């Protein structure tokens, strides 16, 4: 019995994904613009109408999905506003009258002469 080794071909694999330097041609603005062109209504209006329809249909699963979507957008906008405000919109609601730990202080160091008693 003779054992023969098969030669393995090594090929260079093509890179996956978009080529280097490619630009994103589909943007959120383009998608919203196309939705408005197709339906004749803006996306926020369609979102509000869908939420209202889920309430009228007593579709609690759809209503919950709409509420999560709307509230996540509101929270994201609030978070962005607080971060970019530079702290100007935040009010300092606490006032310390005393030191937090009055017993804690730096020890008073005194020089001890080793030769004296």
PDB file of N, CA and C in Angstrom:
ATOM      1  N   UNK A   1       0.830  -1.173   0.000  1.00  0.00           N
ATOM      2  CA  UNK A   1       0.000   0.000   0.000  1.00  0.00           C
ATOM      3  C   UNK A   1       0.878   1.240   0.000  1.00  0.00           C
ATOM      4  N   UNK A   2       0.570   2.044  -0.885  1.00  0.00           N
ATOM      5  CA  UNK A   2       1.321   3.297  -0.913  1.00  0.00           C
ATOM      6  C   UNK A   2       0.374   4.444  -0.590  1.00  0.00           C
ATOM      7  N   UNK A   3       0.863   5.323   0.211  1.00  0.00           N
ATOM      8  CA  UNK A   3       0.036   6.476   0.582  1.00  0.00           C
ATOM      9  C   UNK A   3       0.458   7.646  -0.281  1.00  0.00           C
ATOM     10  N   UNK A   4      -0.511   8.264  -0.887  1.00  0.00           N
ATOM     11  CA  UNK A   4      -0.210   9.423  -1.715  1.00  0.00           C
ATOM     12  C   UNK A   4      -0.793  10.653  -1.039  1.00  0.00           C
ATOM     13  N   UNK A   5      -0.059  11.695  -1.127  1.00  0.00           N
ATOM     14  CA  UNK A   5      -0.529  12.959  -0.554  1.00  0.00           C
ATOM     15  C   UNK A   5      -1.146  13.797  -1.651  1.00  0.00           C
ATOM     16  N   UNK A   6      -2.284  14.335  -1.344  1.00  0.00           N
ATOM     17  CA  UNK A   6      -2.933  15.214  -2.306  1.00  0.00           C
ATOM     18  C   UNK A   6      -2.381  16.621  -2.107  1.00  0.00           C
ATOM     19  N   UNK A   7      -2.136  17.268  -3.188  1.00  0.00           N
ATOM     20  CA  UNK A   7      -1.644  18.642  -3.071  1.00  0.00           C
ATOM     21  C   UNK A   7      -2.834  19.567  -2.803  1.00  0.00           C
ATOM     22  N   UNK A   8      -2.610  20.450  -1.880  1.00  0.00           N
ATOM     23  CA  UNK A   8      -3.661  21.404  -1.529  1.00  0.00           C
ATOM     24  C   UNK A   8      -3.424  22.696  -2.271  1.00  0.00           C
ATOM     25  N   UNK A   9      -4.422  23.134  -2.963  1.00  0.00           N
ATOM     26  CA  UNK A   9      -4.305  24.406  -3.659  1.00  0.00           C
ATOM     27  C   UNK A   9      -4.617  25.530  -2.678  1.00  0.00           C
ATOM     28  N   UNK A  10      -3.826  26.535  -2.727  1.00  0.00           N
ATOM     29  CA  UNK A  10      -4.102  27.710  -1.906  1.00  0.00           C
ATOM     30  C   UNK A  10      -4.528  28.827  -2.840  1.00  0.00           C
ATOM     31  N   UNK A  11      -5.678  29.327  -2.579  1.00  0.00           N
ATOM     32  CA  UNK A  11      -6.185  30.431  -3.389  1.00  0.00           C
ATOM     33  C   UNK A  11      -6.419  31.615  -2.470  1.00  0.00           C
ATOM     34  N   UNK A  12      -6.288  32.765  -3.022  1.00  0.00           N
ATOM     35  CA  UNK A  12      -6.568  33.955  -2.219  1.00  0.00           C
ATOM     36  C   UNK A  12      -8.065  34.192  -2.240  1.00  0.00           C
ATOM     37  N   UNK A  13      -8.597  34.377  -1.076  1.00  0.00           N
ATOM     38  CA  UNK A  13     -10.034  34.582  -0.949  1.00  0.00           C
ATOM     39  C   UNK A  13     -10.376  36.029  -1.276  1.00  0.00           C
ATOM     40  N   UNK A  14     -11.524  36.208  -1.869  1.00  0.00           N
ATOM     41  CA  UNK A  14     -11.981  37.561  -2.165  1.00  0.00           C
ATOM     42  C   UNK A  14     -12.421  38.210  -0.867  1.00  0.00           C
ATOM     43  N   UNK A  15     -12.148  39.491  -0.702  1.00  0.00           N
ATOM     44  CA  UNK A  15     -12.599  40.158   0.518  1.00  0.00           C
ATOM     45  C   UNK A  15     -14.120  40.221   0.569  1.00  0.00           C
ATOM     46  N   UNK A  16     -14.658  40.044   1.747  1.00  0.00           N
ATOM     47  CA  UNK A  16     -16.101  40.064   1.931  1.00  0.00           C
ATOM     48  C   UNK A  16     -16.574  41.477   2.215  1.00  0.00           C
ATOM     49  N   UNK A  17     -17.802  41.722   1.950  1.00  0.00           N
ATOM     50  CA  UNK A  17     -18.392  43.019   2.259  1.00  0.00           C
ATOM     51  C   UNK A  17     -18.195  44.018   1.129  1.00  0.00           C
ATOM     52  N   UNK A  18     -18.424  45.275   1.453  1.00  0.00           N
ATOM     53  CA  UNK A  18     -18.287  46.322   0.451  1.00  0.00           C
ATOM     54  C   UNK A  18     -16.819  46.594   0.158  1.00  0.00           C
ATOM     55  N   UNK A  19     -16.517  47.027  -1.046  1.00  0.00           N
ATOM     56  CA  UNK A  19     -15.133  47.359  -1.353  1.00  0.00           C
ATOM     57  C   UNK A  19     -14.657  48.552  -0.523  1.00  0.00           C
ATOM     58  N   UNK A  20     -13.358  48.642  -0.379  1.00  0.00           N
ATOM     59  CA  UNK A  20     -12.779  49.741   0.390  1.00  0.00           C
ATOM     60  C   UNK A  20     -13.108  51.055  -0.310  1.00  0.00           C
ATOM     61  N   UNK A  21     -13.562  52.022   0.468  1.00  0.00           N
ATOM     62  CA  UNK A  21     -13.892  53.335  -0.074  1.00  0.00           C
ATOM     63  C   UNK A  21     -15.316  53.464  -0.571  1.00  0.00           C
ATOM     64  N   UNK A  22     -16.095  52.388  -0.519  1.00  0.00           N
ATOM     65  CA  UNK A  22     -17.483  52.456  -0.972  1.00  0.00           C
ATOM     66  C   UNK A  22     -18.294  53.303   0.000  1.00  0.00           C
ATOM     67  N   UNK A  23     -19.241  54.025  -0.538  1.00  0.00           N
ATOM     68  CA  UNK A  23     -20.081  54.883   0.292  1.00  0.00           C
ATOM     69  C   UNK A  23     -21.463  54.269   0.433  1.00  0.00           C
ATOM     70  N   UNK A  24     -22.102  54.543   1.541  1.00  0.00           N
ATOM     71  CA  UNK A  24     -23.444  54.054   1.804  1.00  0.00           C
ATOM     72  C   UNK A  24     -24.423  54.854   0.954  1.00  0.00           C
ATOM     73  N   UNK A  25     -25.125  54.188   0.062  1.00  0.00           N
ATOM     74  CA  UNK A  25     -26.062  54.891  -0.806  1.00  0.00           C
ATOM     75  C   UNK A  25     -27.473  54.913  -0.242  1.00  0.00           C
ATOM     76  N   UNK A  26     -27.767  54.042   0.703  1.00  0.00           N
ATOM     77  CA  UNK A  26     -29.087  54.020   1.332  1.00  0.00           C
ATOM     78  C   UNK A  26     -28.948  54.679   2.699  1.00  0.00           C
ATOM     79  N   UNK A  27     -29.623  55.792   2.871  1.00  0.00           N
ATOM     80  CA  UNK A  27     -29.577  56.515   4.147  1.00  0.00           C
ATOM     81  C   UNK A  27     -30.980  56.578   4.732  1.00  0.00           C
ATOM     82  N   UNK A  28     -31.042  56.905   6.001  1.00  0.00           N
ATOM     83  CA  UNK A  28     -32.351  57.008   6.656  1.00  0.00           C
ATOM     84  C   UNK A  28     -33.169  58.142   6.053  1.00  0.00           C
ATOM     85  N   UNK A  29     -32.502  59.233   5.652  1.00  0.00           N
ATOM     86  CA  UNK A  29     -33.240  60.344   5.041  1.00  0.00           C
ATOM     87  C   UNK A  29     -33.887  59.912   3.727  1.00  0.00           C
ATOM     88  N   UNK A  30     -33.137  59.128   2.928  1.00  0.00           N
ATOM     89  CA  UNK A  30     -33.692  58.661   1.656  1.00  0.00           C
ATOM     90  C   UNK A  30     -34.872  57.719   1.880  1.00  0.00           C
ATOM     91  N   UNK A  31     -34.768  56.855   2.879  1.00  0.00           N
ATOM     92  CA  UNK A  31     -35.860  55.925   3.169  1.00  0.00           C
ATOM     93  C   UNK A  31     -37.109  56.688   3.604  1.00  0.00           C
ATOM     94  N   UNK A  32     -36.961  57.636   4.510  1.00  0.00           N
ATOM     95  CA  UNK A  32     -38.108  58.420   4.974  1.00  0.00           C
ATOM     96  C   UNK A  32     -38.702  59.245   3.848  1.00  0.00           C
ATOM     97  N   UNK A  33     -37.843  59.769   2.969  1.00  0.00           N
ATOM     98  CA  UNK A  33     -38.329  60.550   1.829  1.00  0.00           C
ATOM     99  C   UNK A  33     -39.149  59.668   0.882  1.00  0.00           C
ATOM    100  N   UNK A  34     -38.679  58.456   0.626  1.00  0.00           N
ATOM    101  CA  UNK A  34     -39.412  57.545  -0.254  1.00  0.00           C
ATOM    102  C   UNK A  34     -40.734  57.102   0.361  1.00  0.00           C
ATOM    103  N   UNK A  35     -40.741  56.896   1.683  1.00  0.00           N
ATOM    104  CA  UNK A  35     -42.004  56.558   2.360  1.00  0.00           C
ATOM    105  C   UNK A  35     -43.001  57.690   2.190  1.00  0.00           C
ATOM    106  N   UNK A  36     -42.536  58.923   2.346  1.00  0.00           N
ATOM    107  CA  UNK A  36     -43.417  60.083   2.189  1.00  0.00           C
ATOM    108  C   UNK A  36     -43.911  60.209   0.755  1.00  0.00           C
ATOM    109  N   UNK A  37     -43.032  59.919  -0.216  1.00  0.00           N
ATOM    110  CA  UNK A  37     -43.461  59.992  -1.617  1.00  0.00           C
ATOM    111  C   UNK A  37     -44.491  58.914  -1.943  1.00  0.00           C
ATOM    112  N   UNK A  38     -44.296  57.710  -1.451  1.00  0.00           N
ATOM    113  CA  UNK A  38     -45.200  56.600  -1.769  1.00  0.00           C
ATOM    114  C   UNK A  38     -46.553  56.744  -1.091  1.00  0.00           C
ATOM    115  N   UNK A  39     -46.553  57.186   0.150  1.00  0.00           N
ATOM    116  CA  UNK A  39     -47.806  57.222   0.909  1.00  0.00           C
ATOM    117  C   UNK A  39     -48.468  58.598   0.917  1.00  0.00           C
ATOM    118  N   UNK A  40     -47.709  59.614   0.614  1.00  0.00           N
ATOM    119  CA  UNK A  40     -48.254  60.971   0.675  1.00  0.00           C
ATOM    120  C   UNK A  40     -48.325  61.512   2.094  1.00  0.00           C
ATOM    121  N   UNK A  41     -47.747  60.788   3.044  1.00  0.00           N
ATOM    122  CA  UNK A  41     -47.749  61.220   4.445  1.00  0.00           C
ATOM    123  C   UNK A  41     -46.345  61.052   5.014  1.00  0.00           C
ATOM    124  N   UNK A  42     -46.015  61.892   5.957  1.00  0.00           N
ATOM    125  CA  UNK A  42     -44.698  61.785   6.593  1.00  0.00           C
ATOM    126  C   UNK A  42     -44.671  60.564   7.508  1.00  0.00           C
ATOM    127  N   UNK A  43     -43.461  60.079   7.774  1.00  0.00           N
ATOM    128  CA  UNK A  43     -43.329  58.890   8.612  1.00  0.00           C
ATOM    129  C   UNK A  43     -43.848  59.120  10.029  1.00  0.00           C
ATOM    130  N   UNK A  44     -43.570  60.276  10.669  1.00  0.00           N
ATOM    131  CA  UNK A  44     -44.149  60.480  12.004  1.00  0.00           C
ATOM    132  C   UNK A  44     -45.678  60.436  12.009  1.00  0.00           C
ATOM    133  N   UNK A  45     -46.294  60.953  10.926  1.00  0.00           N
ATOM    134  CA  UNK A  45     -47.766  60.900  10.854  1.00  0.00           C
ATOM    135  C   UNK A  45     -48.240  59.454  10.700  1.00  0.00           C
ATOM    136  N   UNK A  46     -47.543  58.673   9.858  1.00  0.00           N
ATOM    137  CA  UNK A  46     -47.903  57.267   9.696  1.00  0.00           C
ATOM    138  C   UNK A  46     -47.715  56.502  10.999  1.00  0.00           C
ATOM    139  N   UNK A  47     -46.677  56.836  11.728  1.00  0.00           N
ATOM    140  CA  UNK A  47     -46.432  56.189  13.015  1.00  0.00           C
ATOM    141  C   UNK A  47     -47.560  56.501  13.992  1.00  0.00           C
ATOM    142  N   UNK A  48     -47.977  57.767  14.025  1.00  0.00           N
ATOM    143  CA  UNK A  48     -49.077  58.155  14.917  1.00  0.00           C
ATOM    144  C   UNK A  48     -50.382  57.482  14.501  1.00  0.00           C
ATOM    145  N   UNK A  49     -50.626  57.387  13.198  1.00  0.00           N
ATOM    146  CA  UNK A  49     -51.845  56.725  12.723  1.00  0.00           C
ATOM    147  C   UNK A  49     -51.829  55.235  13.058  1.00  0.00           C
ATOM    148  N   UNK A  50     -50.689  54.602  12.925  1.00  0.00           N
ATOM    149  CA  UNK A  50     -50.587  53.186  13.267  1.00  0.00           C
ATOM    150  C   UNK A  50     -50.807  52.944  14.749  1.00  0.00           C
ATOM    151  N   UNK A  51     -50.265  53.829  15.569  1.00  0.00           N
ATOM    152  CA  UNK A  51     -50.469  53.717  17.016  1.00  0.00           C
ATOM    153  C   UNK A  51     -51.953  53.885  17.348  1.00  0.00           C
ATOM    154  N   UNK A  52     -52.588  54.862  16.719  1.00  0.00           N
ATOM    155  CA  UNK A  52     -54.005  55.101  16.957  1.00  0.00           C
ATOM    156  C   UNK A  52     -54.836  53.902  16.493  1.00  0.00           C
ATOM    157  N   UNK A  53     -54.470  53.322  15.361  1.00  0.00           N
ATOM    158  CA  UNK A  53     -55.205  52.151  14.853  1.00  0.00           C
ATOM    159  C   UNK A  53     -55.046  50.953  15.793  1.00  0.00           C
ATOM    160  N   UNK A  54     -53.869  50.802  16.391  1.00  0.00           N
ATOM    161  CA  UNK A  54     -53.679  49.683  17.332  1.00  0.00           C
ATOM    162  C   UNK A  54     -54.514  49.873  18.592  1.00  0.00           C
ATOM    163  N   UNK A  55     -54.717  51.110  18.992  1.00  0.00           N
ATOM    164  CA  UNK A  55     -55.582  51.395  20.150  1.00  0.00           C
ATOM    165  C   UNK A  55     -57.032  51.059  19.810  1.00  0.00           C
ATOM    166  N   UNK A  56     -57.490  51.509  18.627  1.00  0.00           N
ATOM    167  CA  UNK A  56     -58.875  51.259  18.229  1.00  0.00           C
ATOM    168  C   UNK A  56     -59.151  49.770  18.027  1.00  0.00           C
ATOM    169  N   UNK A  57     -58.151  49.028  17.563  1.00  0.00           N
ATOM    170  CA  UNK A  57     -58.333  47.593  17.303  1.00  0.00           C
ATOM    171  C   UNK A  57     -58.131  46.750  18.558  1.00  0.00           C
ATOM    172  N   UNK A  58     -57.796  47.396  19.662  1.00  0.00           N
ATOM    173  CA  UNK A  58     -57.502  46.701  20.914  1.00  0.00           C
ATOM    174  C   UNK A  58     -56.400  45.651  20.722  1.00  0.00           C
ATOM    175  N   UNK A  59     -55.445  45.974  19.867  1.00  0.00           N
ATOM    176  CA  UNK A  59     -54.301  45.092  19.620  1.00  0.00           C
ATOM    177  C   UNK A  59     -53.200  45.497  20.602  1.00  0.00           C
ATOM    178  N   UNK A  60     -53.180  44.821  21.756  1.00  0.00           N
ATOM    179  CA  UNK A  60     -52.264  45.216  22.822  1.00  0.00           C
ATOM    180  C   UNK A  60     -50.813  44.937  22.476  1.00  0.00           C
ATOM    181  N   UNK A  61     -50.550  43.896  21.704  1.00  0.00           N
ATOM    182  CA  UNK A  61     -49.164  43.597  21.317  1.00  0.00           C
ATOM    183  C   UNK A  61     -48.615  44.688  20.401  1.00  0.00           C
ATOM    184  N   UNK A  62     -49.426  45.098  19.422  1.00  0.00           N
ATOM    185  CA  UNK A  62     -48.991  46.161  18.513  1.00  0.00           C
ATOM    186  C   UNK A  62     -48.875  47.482  19.255  1.00  0.00           C
ATOM    187  N   UNK A  63     -49.826  47.733  20.151  1.00  0.00           N
ATOM    188  CA  UNK A  63     -49.787  48.978  20.928  1.00  0.00           C
ATOM    189  C   UNK A  63     -48.524  49.036  21.782  1.00  0.00           C
ATOM    190  N   UNK A  64     -48.182  47.920  22.411  1.00  0.00           N
ATOM    191  CA  UNK A  64     -46.973  47.869  23.228  1.00  0.00           C
ATOM    192  C   UNK A  64     -45.728  48.092  22.372  1.00  0.00           C
ATOM    193  N   UNK A  65     -45.712  47.516  21.170  1.00  0.00           N
ATOM    194  CA  UNK A  65     -44.578  47.714  20.266  1.00  0.00           C
ATOM    195  C   UNK A  65     -44.450  49.180  19.868  1.00  0.00           C
ATOM    196  N   UNK A  66     -45.575  49.831  19.548  1.00  0.00           N
ATOM    197  CA  UNK A  66     -45.560  51.252  19.212  1.00  0.00           C
ATOM    198  C   UNK A  66     -45.069  52.086  20.403  1.00  0.00           C
ATOM    199  N   UNK A  67     -45.563  51.781  21.593  1.00  0.00           N
ATOM    200  CA  UNK A  67     -45.166  52.557  22.770  1.00  0.00           C
ATOM    201  C   UNK A  67     -43.676  52.395  23.061  1.00  0.00           C
ATOM    202  N   UNK A  68     -43.162  51.173  22.909  1.00  0.00           N
ATOM    203  CA  UNK A  68     -41.724  50.967  23.107  1.00  0.00           C
ATOM    204  C   UNK A  68     -40.917  51.764  22.101  1.00  0.00           C
ATOM    205  N   UNK A  69     -41.344  51.748  20.851  1.00  0.00           N
ATOM    206  CA  UNK A  69     -40.655  52.482  19.808  1.00  0.00           C
ATOM    207  C   UNK A  69     -40.675  53.982  20.083  1.00  0.00           C
ATOM    208  N   UNK A  70     -41.838  54.496  20.402  1.00  0.00           N
ATOM    209  CA  UNK A  70     -41.978  55.939  20.636  1.00  0.00           C
ATOM    210  C   UNK A  70     -41.193  56.353  21.876  1.00  0.00           C
ATOM    211  N   UNK A  71     -41.318  55.598  22.956  1.00  0.00           N
ATOM    212  CA  UNK A  71     -40.614  55.969  24.181  1.00  0.00           C
ATOM    213  C   UNK A  71     -39.106  55.819  24.043  1.00  0.00           C
ATOM    214  N   UNK A  72     -38.640  54.828  23.285  1.00  0.00           N
ATOM    215  CA  UNK A  72     -37.194  54.703  23.097  1.00  0.00           C
ATOM    216  C   UNK A  72     -36.652  55.899  22.330  1.00  0.00           C
ATOM    217  N   UNK A  73     -37.428  56.441  21.405  1.00  0.00           N
ATOM    218  CA  UNK A  73     -37.012  57.636  20.669  1.00  0.00           C
ATOM    219  C   UNK A  73     -37.002  58.842  21.585  1.00  0.00           C
ATOM    220  N   UNK A  74     -38.017  58.969  22.440  1.00  0.00           N
ATOM    221  CA  UNK A  74     -38.079  60.099  23.369  1.00  0.00           C
ATOM    222  C   UNK A  74     -36.915  60.040  24.349  1.00  0.00           C
ATOM    223  N   UNK A  75     -36.640  58.857  24.892  1.00  0.00           N
ATOM    224  CA  UNK A  75     -35.537  58.709  25.845  1.00  0.00           C
ATOM    225  C   UNK A  75     -34.208  58.977  25.161  1.00  0.00           C
ATOM    226  N   UNK A  76     -34.041  58.499  23.915  1.00  0.00           N
ATOM    227  CA  UNK A  76     -32.794  58.742  23.188  1.00  0.00           C
ATOM    228  C   UNK A  76     -32.603  60.226  22.935  1.00  0.00           C
ATOM    229  N   UNK A  77     -33.670  60.939  22.574  1.00  0.00           N
ATOM    230  CA  UNK A  77     -33.562  62.376  22.358  1.00  0.00           C
ATOM    231  C   UNK A  77     -33.244  63.100  23.653  1.00  0.00           C
ATOM    232  N   UNK A  78     -33.852  62.686  24.761  1.00  0.00           N
ATOM    233  CA  UNK A  78     -33.603  63.311  26.055  1.00  0.00           C
ATOM    234  C   UNK A  78     -32.162  63.081  26.478  1.00  0.00           C
ATOM    235  N   UNK A  79     -31.672  61.857  26.273  1.00  0.00           N
ATOM    236  CA  UNK A  79     -30.295  61.526  26.634  1.00  0.00           C
ATOM    237  C   UNK A  79     -29.314  62.367  25.813  1.00  0.00           C
ATOM    238  N   UNK A  80     -29.584  62.517  24.523  1.00  0.00           N
ATOM    239  CA  UNK A  80     -28.713  63.314  23.662  1.00  0.00           C
ATOM    240  C   UNK A  80     -28.738  64.777  24.097  1.00  0.00           C
ATOM    241  N   UNK A  81     -29.914  65.289  24.461  1.00  0.00           N
ATOM    242  CA  UNK A  81     -30.018  66.671  24.872  1.00  0.00           C
ATOM    243  C   UNK A  81     -29.231  66.908  26.152  1.00  0.00           C
ATOM    244  N   UNK A  82     -29.315  66.002  27.115  1.00  0.00           N
ATOM    245  CA  UNK A  82     -28.599  66.181  28.363  1.00  0.00           C
ATOM    246  C   UNK A  82     -27.095  66.099  28.173  1.00  0.00           C
ATOM    247  N   UNK A  83     -26.648  65.219  27.276  1.00  0.00           N
ATOM    248  CA  UNK A  83     -25.221  65.069  27.057  1.00  0.00           C
ATOM    249  C   UNK A  83     -24.646  66.285  26.358  1.00  0.00           C
ATOM    250  N   UNK A  84     -25.359  66.813  25.382  1.00  0.00           N
ATOM    251  CA  UNK A  84     -24.826  67.923  24.597  1.00  0.00           C
ATOM    252  C   UNK A  84     -25.090  69.285  25.215  1.00  0.00           C
ATOM    253  N   UNK A  85     -25.859  69.356  26.302  1.00  0.00           N
ATOM    254  CA  UNK A  85     -26.157  70.661  26.893  1.00  0.00           C
ATOM    255  C   UNK A  85     -24.995  71.209  27.691  1.00  0.00           C
ATOM    256  N   UNK A  86     -23.994  70.395  27.936  1.00  0.00           N
ATOM    257  CA  UNK A  86     -22.844  70.865  28.705  1.00  0.00           C
ATOM    258  C   UNK A  86     -23.182  71.075  30.168  1.00  0.00           C
ATOM    259  N   UNK A  87     -24.229  70.457  30.664  1.00  0.00           N
ATOM    260  CA  UNK A  87     -24.600  70.592  32.057  1.00  0.00           C
ATOM    261  C   UNK A  87     -25.394  71.846  32.364  1.00  0.00           C
ATOM    262  N   UNK A  88     -25.672  72.673  31.357  1.00  0.00           N
ATOM    263  CA  UNK A  88     -26.382  73.918  31.604  1.00  0.00           C
ATOM    264  C   UNK A  88     -27.854  73.695  31.919  1.00  0.00           C
ATOM    265  N   UNK A  89     -28.400  72.569  31.458  1.00  0.00           N
ATOM    266  CA  UNK A  89     -29.809  72.300  31.722  1.00  0.00           C
ATOM    267  C   UNK A  89     -30.006  71.564  33.042  1.00  0.00           C
ATOM    268  N   UNK A  90     -28.916  71.170  33.671  1.00  0.00           N
ATOM    269  CA  UNK A  90     -29.017  70.446  34.930  1.00  0.00           C
ATOM    270  C   UNK A  90     -28.947  71.433  36.089  1.00  0.00           C
ATOM    271  N   UNK A  91     -29.783  71.235  37.088  1.00  0.00           N
ATOM    272  CA  UNK A  91     -29.827  72.125  38.249  1.00  0.00           C
ATOM    273  C   UNK A  91     -29.276  71.382  39.450  1.00  0.00           C
ATOM    274  N   UNK A  92     -28.447  72.035  40.187  1.00  0.00           N
ATOM    275  CA  UNK A  92     -27.883  71.458  41.401  1.00  0.00           C
ATOM    276  C   UNK A  92     -28.936  71.566  42.499  1.00  0.00           C
ATOM    277  N   UNK A  93     -29.581  70.462  42.832  1.00  0.00           N
ATOM    278  CA  UNK A  93     -30.670  70.474  43.801  1.00  0.00           C
ATOM    279  C   UNK A  93     -30.216  70.139  45.212  1.00  0.00           C
ATOM    280  N   UNK A  94     -28.940  70.054  45.443  1.00  0.00           N
ATOM    281  CA  UNK A  94     -28.472  69.732  46.784  1.00  0.00           C
ATOM    282  C   UNK A  94     -27.472  70.783  47.227  1.00  0.00           C
ATOM    283  N   UNK A  95     -27.429  70.976  48.536  1.00  0.00           N
ATOM    284  CA  UNK A  95     -26.544  71.979  49.096  1.00  0.00           C
ATOM    285  C   UNK A  95     -25.980  71.431  50.401  1.00  0.00           C
ATOM    286  N   UNK A  96     -24.688  71.273  50.467  1.00  0.00           N
ATOM    287  CA  UNK A  96     -24.063  70.764  51.671  1.00  0.00           C
ATOM    288  C   UNK A  96     -23.778  71.940  52.608  1.00  0.00           C
ATOM    289  N   UNK A  97     -24.338  71.887  53.822  1.00  0.00           N
ATOM    290  CA  UNK A  97     -24.129  72.947  54.797  1.00  0.00           C
ATOM    291  C   UNK A  97     -22.833  72.737  55.568  1.00  0.00           C
ATOM    292  N   UNK A  98     -22.464  71.496  55.799  1.00  0.00           N
ATOM    293  CA  UNK A  98     -21.288  71.167  56.576  1.00  0.00           C
ATOM    294  C   UNK A  98     -20.412  70.247  55.755  1.00  0.00           C
ATOM    295  N   UNK A  99     -19.240  70.004  56.284  1.00  0.00           N
ATOM    296  CA  UNK A  99     -18.392  69.006  55.666  1.00  0.00           C
ATOM    297  C   UNK A  99     -19.055  67.644  55.851  1.00  0.00           C
ATOM    298  N   UNK A 100     -18.903  66.768  54.895  1.00  0.00           N
ATOM    299  CA  UNK A 100     -19.573  65.483  54.982  1.00  0.00           C
ATOM    300  C   UNK A 100     -19.068  64.657  56.151  1.00  0.00           C
ATOM    301  N   UNK A 101     -17.788  64.702  56.393  1.00  0.00           N
ATOM    302  CA  UNK A 101     -17.195  63.947  57.495  1.00  0.00           C
ATOM    303  C   UNK A 101     -16.384  64.918  58.367  1.00  0.00           C
ATOM    304  N   UNK A 102     -17.025  65.596  59.323  1.00  0.00           N
ATOM    305  CA  UNK A 102     -16.303  66.615  60.103  1.00  0.00           C
ATOM    306  C   UNK A 102     -15.214  66.007  60.988  1.00  0.00           C
ATOM    307  N   UNK A 103     -15.350  64.734  61.365  1.00  0.00           N
ATOM    308  CA  UNK A 103     -14.335  64.122  62.219  1.00  0.00           C
ATOM    309  C   UNK A 103     -13.063  63.802  61.439  1.00  0.00           C
ATOM    310  N   UNK A 104     -13.193  63.709  60.163  1.00  0.00           N
ATOM    311  CA  UNK A 104     -12.046  63.358  59.344  1.00  0.00           C
ATOM    312  C   UNK A 104     -11.274  64.629  59.008  1.00  0.00           C
ATOM    313  N   UNK A 105     -10.048  64.669  59.397  1.00  0.00           N
ATOM    314  CA  UNK A 105      -9.200  65.806  59.050  1.00  0.00           C
ATOM    315  C   UNK A 105      -7.773  65.306  58.909  1.00  0.00           C
ATOM    316  N   UNK A 106      -6.997  66.130  58.286  1.00  0.00           N
ATOM    317  CA  UNK A 106      -5.599  65.766  58.120  1.00  0.00           C
ATOM    318  C   UNK A 106      -4.932  65.784  59.493  1.00  0.00           C
ATOM    319  N   UNK A 107      -4.142  64.770  59.807  1.00  0.00           N
ATOM    320  CA  UNK A 107      -3.467  64.757  61.106  1.00  0.00           C
ATOM    321  C   UNK A 107      -2.412  65.864  61.175  1.00  0.00           C
ATOM    322  N   UNK A 108      -2.333  66.468  62.334  1.00  0.00           N
ATOM    323  CA  UNK A 108      -1.337  67.517  62.520  1.00  0.00           C
ATOM    324  C   UNK A 108      -0.018  66.842  62.829  1.00  0.00           C
ATOM    325  N   UNK A 109       0.914  67.008  61.940  1.00  0.00           N
ATOM    326  CA  UNK A 109       2.213  66.361  62.077  1.00  0.00           C
ATOM    327  C   UNK A 109       3.134  67.250  62.888  1.00  0.00           C
ATOM    328  N   UNK A 110       3.874  66.632  63.775  1.00  0.00           N
ATOM    329  CA  UNK A 110       4.855  67.415  64.487  1.00  0.00           C
ATOM    330  C   UNK A 110       6.185  66.681  64.396  1.00  0.00           C
ATOM    331  N   UNK A 111       7.222  67.438  64.353  1.00  0.00           N
ATOM    332  CA  UNK A 111       8.552  66.871  64.202  1.00  0.00           C
ATOM    333  C   UNK A 111       9.035  66.390  65.572  1.00  0.00           C
ATOM    334  N   UNK A 112       9.471  65.165  65.587  1.00  0.00           N
ATOM    335  CA  UNK A 112       9.981  64.561  66.832  1.00  0.00           C
ATOM    336  C   UNK A 112      11.477  64.469  66.699  1.00  0.00           C
ATOM    337  N   UNK A 113      12.153  65.006  67.712  1.00  0.00           N
ATOM    338  CA  UNK A 113      13.602  64.914  67.736  1.00  0.00           C
ATOM    339  C   UNK A 113      13.944  63.625  68.449  1.00  0.00           C
ATOM    340  N   UNK A 114      14.692  62.773  67.823  1.00  0.00           N
ATOM    341  CA  UNK A 114      15.032  61.469  68.387  1.00  0.00           C
ATOM    342  C   UNK A 114      15.953  61.581  69.595  1.00  0.00           C
ATOM    343  N   UNK A 115      16.707  62.690  69.711  1.00  0.00           N
ATOM    344  CA  UNK A 115      17.636  62.833  70.810  1.00  0.00           C
ATOM    345  C   UNK A 115      16.973  63.338  72.081  1.00  0.00           C
ATOM    346  N   UNK A 116      15.894  64.008  71.964  1.00  0.00           N
ATOM    347  CA  UNK A 116      15.227  64.564  73.155  1.00  0.00           C
ATOM    348  C   UNK A 116      14.182  63.598  73.660  1.00  0.00           C
ATOM    349  N   UNK A 117      13.858  63.791  74.906  1.00  0.00           N
ATOM    350  CA  UNK A 117      12.859  62.909  75.493  1.00  0.00           C
ATOM    351  C   UNK A 117      11.483  63.470  75.371  1.00  0.00           C
TER     352      UNK A 117
END
